[in-house]
Protein backbone atom coordinates (compact mmCIF):
# COMPACT_ATOMS: atom_id res chain seq x y z
CA MET A 1 106.46 16.30 -16.29
CA THR A 2 109.04 16.69 -13.75
CA PRO A 3 109.51 13.80 -10.85
CA LEU A 4 107.80 16.28 -8.40
CA HIS A 5 104.56 16.15 -10.66
CA HIS A 6 104.51 12.54 -10.17
CA ILE A 7 104.97 12.69 -6.57
CA GLY A 8 102.29 15.25 -6.08
CA ASN A 9 99.97 13.18 -8.21
CA PHE A 10 100.64 10.04 -6.01
CA VAL A 11 99.98 12.03 -2.77
CA ARG A 12 96.85 13.38 -4.25
CA ASP A 13 95.65 10.02 -5.28
CA LEU A 14 96.30 8.65 -1.70
CA VAL A 15 94.44 11.94 -0.22
CA VAL A 16 91.35 11.49 -2.11
CA GLN A 17 90.91 7.74 -1.08
CA ILE A 18 90.38 8.77 2.79
CA PRO A 19 86.61 8.94 3.39
CA MET A 20 85.09 12.45 4.56
CA SER A 21 83.52 10.49 7.56
CA ALA A 22 87.03 9.56 8.93
CA VAL A 23 88.28 13.11 8.28
CA ARG A 24 85.37 14.90 10.10
CA LEU A 25 85.69 11.88 13.02
CA LEU A 26 89.54 12.78 13.58
CA PHE A 27 88.92 16.67 13.33
CA VAL A 28 86.23 16.66 16.05
CA GLY A 29 87.86 13.68 17.94
CA THR A 30 90.84 16.44 18.14
CA LEU A 31 88.61 19.05 19.48
CA VAL A 32 86.95 16.53 22.12
CA ALA A 33 90.59 15.79 23.09
CA VAL A 34 91.41 19.64 23.77
CA PHE A 35 88.15 20.06 25.44
CA ILE A 36 89.04 17.55 27.70
CA TRP A 37 92.52 18.49 28.13
CA VAL A 38 91.02 22.08 28.98
CA LEU A 39 88.80 20.66 31.58
CA ARG A 40 91.54 19.02 33.38
CA LEU A 41 93.51 22.00 33.75
CA PRO A 42 94.14 23.30 37.22
CA ARG A 43 92.01 26.34 38.16
CA GLU A 44 95.09 28.35 39.26
CA THR A 45 96.63 28.10 35.60
CA THR A 46 93.34 29.44 34.05
CA THR A 47 92.42 32.10 36.59
CA ALA A 48 94.38 35.39 37.20
CA GLU A 49 95.66 35.52 40.75
CA ASN A 50 93.38 38.43 41.79
CA ALA A 51 90.38 37.12 40.15
CA THR A 52 87.36 37.21 42.72
CA HIS A 53 84.22 36.08 40.20
CA TRP A 54 83.66 32.72 38.32
CA TYR A 55 83.55 34.29 35.04
CA GLN A 56 87.17 35.27 35.24
CA ASN A 57 88.20 31.45 34.86
CA LEU A 58 89.29 31.35 31.34
CA LYS A 59 88.71 27.57 31.41
CA ILE A 60 84.69 28.24 31.12
CA TRP A 61 85.08 30.38 27.88
CA ALA A 62 87.52 28.07 26.28
CA CYS A 63 85.15 25.02 27.00
CA LEU A 64 82.22 26.90 25.62
CA ALA A 65 83.92 28.05 22.53
CA LEU A 66 85.17 24.28 22.07
CA ALA A 67 81.88 22.95 22.57
CA ILE A 68 80.19 25.05 20.07
CA GLN A 69 82.95 24.02 17.61
CA ILE A 70 82.24 20.61 18.19
CA VAL A 71 78.39 20.93 17.76
CA ILE A 72 78.88 22.96 14.70
CA TYR A 73 81.43 20.53 13.09
CA SER A 74 79.42 17.37 14.05
CA ILE A 75 76.05 18.70 12.45
CA PHE A 76 77.71 19.93 9.34
């Protein structure tokens, strides 16, 4: 075995020790952080200049997509 095999085995052993609940918490936490960031974006940056309807604001659809992902990854 080469030294890279030993390094790979060492890293694999470290990663296997991380509990899946912590991984899920970090993953869902990242989605929640992005959700909050999207909510805080100003309306001018998420809507086209000539937009006249509420559904043309991309922030609404981004938040909807993120909320669905948060629910899915929280349940499963």
